[in-house]
N, C-alpha and C. Protein backbone atom coordinates (compact mmCIF):
# COMPACT_ATOMS: atom_id res chain seq x y z
N MET A 1 0.84 -1.18 0.00
CA MET A 1 0.00 0.00 0.00
C MET A 1 0.88 1.24 0.00
N LYS A 2 0.60 2.13 -0.90
CA LYS A 2 1.32 3.40 -0.99
C LYS A 2 0.35 4.53 -0.67
N ILE A 3 0.88 5.57 -0.04
CA ILE A 3 0.10 6.75 0.31
C ILE A 3 0.53 7.88 -0.62
N ASN A 4 -0.43 8.68 -1.02
CA ASN A 4 -0.16 9.81 -1.91
C ASN A 4 0.92 10.70 -1.32
N LYS A 5 1.85 11.19 -2.19
CA LYS A 5 2.99 11.97 -1.71
C LYS A 5 2.59 13.32 -1.12
N LYS A 6 1.37 13.78 -1.35
CA LYS A 6 0.96 15.05 -0.76
C LYS A 6 0.82 14.94 0.77
N TYR A 7 0.74 13.72 1.28
CA TYR A 7 0.65 13.50 2.73
C TYR A 7 2.01 13.22 3.38
N LYS A 8 3.08 13.37 2.61
CA LYS A 8 4.42 13.04 3.09
C LYS A 8 4.76 13.79 4.38
N GLY A 9 4.51 15.08 4.44
CA GLY A 9 4.85 15.87 5.62
C GLY A 9 4.11 15.42 6.86
N ILE A 10 2.84 15.13 6.72
CA ILE A 10 2.04 14.69 7.86
C ILE A 10 2.49 13.31 8.32
N ILE A 11 2.70 12.40 7.38
CA ILE A 11 3.16 11.05 7.73
C ILE A 11 4.53 11.11 8.40
N PHE A 12 5.42 11.92 7.85
CA PHE A 12 6.75 12.08 8.42
C PHE A 12 6.66 12.58 9.86
N SER A 13 5.87 13.61 10.09
CA SER A 13 5.72 14.19 11.43
C SER A 13 5.14 13.17 12.41
N CYS A 14 4.16 12.42 11.99
CA CYS A 14 3.54 11.43 12.87
C CYS A 14 4.52 10.32 13.25
N ILE A 15 5.24 9.81 12.26
CA ILE A 15 6.20 8.75 12.55
C ILE A 15 7.33 9.27 13.43
N ALA A 16 7.82 10.47 13.15
CA ALA A 16 8.88 11.06 13.97
C ALA A 16 8.39 11.24 15.41
N ALA A 17 7.16 11.71 15.58
CA ALA A 17 6.61 11.90 16.92
C ALA A 17 6.53 10.59 17.69
N ILE A 18 6.10 9.54 17.02
CA ILE A 18 6.01 8.23 17.68
C ILE A 18 7.39 7.70 18.03
N LEU A 19 8.33 7.80 17.09
CA LEU A 19 9.67 7.27 17.32
C LEU A 19 10.43 8.04 18.39
N ILE A 20 10.03 9.26 18.65
CA ILE A 20 10.68 10.05 19.71
C ILE A 20 9.95 9.88 21.04
N SER A 21 8.64 9.95 21.05
CA SER A 21 7.90 9.97 22.32
C SER A 21 7.83 8.62 23.02
N VAL A 22 7.77 7.52 22.29
CA VAL A 22 7.66 6.21 22.93
C VAL A 22 8.94 5.85 23.71
N PRO A 23 10.14 6.00 23.12
CA PRO A 23 11.33 5.73 23.93
C PRO A 23 11.48 6.68 25.12
N ILE A 24 11.10 7.93 24.95
CA ILE A 24 11.15 8.87 26.08
C ILE A 24 10.22 8.39 27.18
N ALA A 25 9.02 7.98 26.82
CA ALA A 25 8.07 7.46 27.82
C ALA A 25 8.65 6.24 28.53
N PHE A 26 9.29 5.36 27.78
CA PHE A 26 9.89 4.16 28.36
C PHE A 26 10.90 4.52 29.45
N PHE A 27 11.82 5.40 29.13
CA PHE A 27 12.85 5.76 30.10
C PHE A 27 12.32 6.59 31.25
N MET A 28 11.34 7.43 30.99
CA MET A 28 10.75 8.21 32.08
C MET A 28 10.01 7.31 33.07
N VAL A 29 9.35 6.28 32.56
CA VAL A 29 8.67 5.33 33.46
C VAL A 29 9.71 4.53 34.26
N ILE A 30 10.80 4.15 33.62
CA ILE A 30 11.86 3.45 34.36
C ILE A 30 12.37 4.35 35.49
N ILE A 31 12.60 5.62 35.20
CA ILE A 31 13.11 6.55 36.20
C ILE A 31 12.10 6.75 37.32
N ASN A 32 10.84 6.94 36.97
CA ASN A 32 9.83 7.30 37.97
C ASN A 32 9.18 6.12 38.68
N VAL A 33 9.03 4.99 38.00
CA VAL A 33 8.33 3.85 38.58
C VAL A 33 9.27 2.67 38.80
N GLY A 34 10.21 2.49 37.88
CA GLY A 34 11.08 1.33 37.93
C GLY A 34 10.38 0.12 37.32
N PHE A 35 11.06 -1.00 37.31
CA PHE A 35 10.47 -2.22 36.76
C PHE A 35 9.63 -2.91 37.84
N THR A 36 8.44 -2.40 38.05
CA THR A 36 7.52 -2.97 39.02
C THR A 36 6.41 -3.70 38.28
N LYS A 37 5.46 -4.24 39.02
CA LYS A 37 4.34 -4.92 38.38
C LYS A 37 3.46 -3.95 37.60
N ASP A 38 3.53 -2.66 37.91
CA ASP A 38 2.74 -1.64 37.22
C ASP A 38 3.48 -1.00 36.05
N PHE A 39 4.68 -1.50 35.74
CA PHE A 39 5.49 -0.88 34.69
C PHE A 39 4.78 -0.83 33.35
N LEU A 40 4.26 -1.96 32.89
CA LEU A 40 3.64 -2.02 31.56
C LEU A 40 2.46 -1.07 31.45
N LYS A 41 1.61 -1.03 32.47
CA LYS A 41 0.46 -0.13 32.46
C LYS A 41 0.92 1.33 32.42
N ALA A 42 1.90 1.66 33.25
CA ALA A 42 2.41 3.03 33.28
C ALA A 42 3.07 3.40 31.95
N PHE A 43 3.82 2.46 31.38
CA PHE A 43 4.48 2.70 30.09
C PHE A 43 3.46 2.92 28.98
N LEU A 44 2.44 2.08 28.92
CA LEU A 44 1.42 2.24 27.87
C LEU A 44 0.66 3.56 28.03
N ASN A 45 0.31 3.90 29.26
CA ASN A 45 -0.38 5.17 29.49
C ASN A 45 0.50 6.36 29.12
N SER A 46 1.75 6.32 29.53
CA SER A 46 2.67 7.40 29.21
C SER A 46 2.90 7.50 27.70
N SER A 47 3.02 6.36 27.04
CA SER A 47 3.23 6.36 25.59
C SER A 47 2.03 6.96 24.86
N LEU A 48 0.84 6.57 25.27
CA LEU A 48 -0.36 7.11 24.62
C LEU A 48 -0.47 8.62 24.81
N VAL A 49 -0.21 9.08 26.02
CA VAL A 49 -0.26 10.52 26.28
C VAL A 49 0.84 11.23 25.49
N GLY A 50 2.04 10.67 25.50
CA GLY A 50 3.15 11.28 24.76
C GLY A 50 2.90 11.36 23.27
N VAL A 51 2.39 10.29 22.69
CA VAL A 51 2.08 10.29 21.26
C VAL A 51 0.94 11.26 20.97
N GLY A 52 -0.06 11.28 21.84
CA GLY A 52 -1.19 12.19 21.65
C GLY A 52 -0.79 13.65 21.69
N ILE A 53 0.21 13.96 22.47
CA ILE A 53 0.71 15.34 22.55
C ILE A 53 1.71 15.62 21.43
N SER A 54 2.59 14.66 21.15
CA SER A 54 3.68 14.94 20.22
C SER A 54 3.25 14.96 18.75
N ILE A 55 2.23 14.23 18.37
CA ILE A 55 1.81 14.25 16.96
C ILE A 55 1.33 15.64 16.53
N PRO A 56 0.41 16.27 17.26
CA PRO A 56 0.02 17.63 16.84
C PRO A 56 1.19 18.61 16.91
N LEU A 57 2.01 18.51 17.96
CA LEU A 57 3.16 19.40 18.07
C LEU A 57 4.14 19.20 16.93
N ALA A 58 4.41 17.96 16.57
CA ALA A 58 5.33 17.68 15.47
C ALA A 58 4.80 18.22 14.15
N ASN A 59 3.49 18.13 13.94
CA ASN A 59 2.91 18.63 12.69
C ASN A 59 2.96 20.15 12.61
N ILE A 60 3.14 20.81 13.73
CA ILE A 60 3.34 22.26 13.75
C ILE A 60 4.83 22.60 13.75
N ALA A 61 5.58 21.94 14.62
CA ALA A 61 6.98 22.29 14.84
C ALA A 61 7.90 21.93 13.67
N ILE A 62 7.70 20.80 13.04
CA ILE A 62 8.61 20.39 11.97
C ILE A 62 8.54 21.33 10.77
N PRO A 63 7.35 21.66 10.25
CA PRO A 63 7.32 22.63 9.13
C PRO A 63 7.83 24.02 9.55
N LEU A 64 7.51 24.43 10.77
CA LEU A 64 7.97 25.73 11.26
C LEU A 64 9.50 25.75 11.36
N THR A 65 10.06 24.69 11.89
CA THR A 65 11.52 24.58 12.00
C THR A 65 12.17 24.61 10.63
N GLU A 66 11.56 23.91 9.67
CA GLU A 66 12.11 23.90 8.31
C GLU A 66 12.12 25.30 7.72
N LYS A 67 11.06 26.07 7.93
CA LYS A 67 11.00 27.45 7.42
C LYS A 67 12.06 28.33 8.08
N ILE A 68 12.23 28.19 9.38
CA ILE A 68 13.22 28.99 10.11
C ILE A 68 14.63 28.65 9.61
N VAL A 69 14.92 27.37 9.49
CA VAL A 69 16.25 26.94 9.05
C VAL A 69 16.51 27.42 7.62
N ASN A 70 15.51 27.34 6.75
CA ASN A 70 15.68 27.79 5.37
C ASN A 70 15.96 29.29 5.31
N LYS A 71 15.45 30.06 6.25
CA LYS A 71 15.70 31.51 6.26
C LYS A 71 17.09 31.85 6.75
N ILE A 72 17.66 31.03 7.62
CA ILE A 72 18.96 31.39 8.19
C ILE A 72 20.14 30.67 7.55
N ILE A 73 19.88 29.73 6.66
CA ILE A 73 20.96 28.99 5.98
C ILE A 73 21.10 29.51 4.56
N GLU A 74 22.36 29.74 4.16
CA GLU A 74 22.63 30.19 2.79
C GLU A 74 22.44 29.06 1.80
N ASP A 75 22.11 29.44 0.57
CA ASP A 75 22.04 28.45 -0.51
C ASP A 75 23.41 28.18 -1.05
C-alpha cells in the first residue's frame, strides 16, 4: 500500500513523533516507577499521552523549523 505523496509531511511528522515519544516514555517510566508490576500499564499510558501530545506538536513544529532553518541557511 502506498500513500499519496501530498501526505508526506504529515506522515513524516507522525512517525517522527512516535519514534521520539515512545522511547522517552519508556525511560521516564523506568526513572519514575522502575520495573515494578505496574510498569507495563504506566508505560502504555505514558506512551499514549506522549504520542497524543507529540503528533500535533510535530505537525506544527517540523514545518515551522524547516522554514526557520531555510531563512537562516545560505544556498
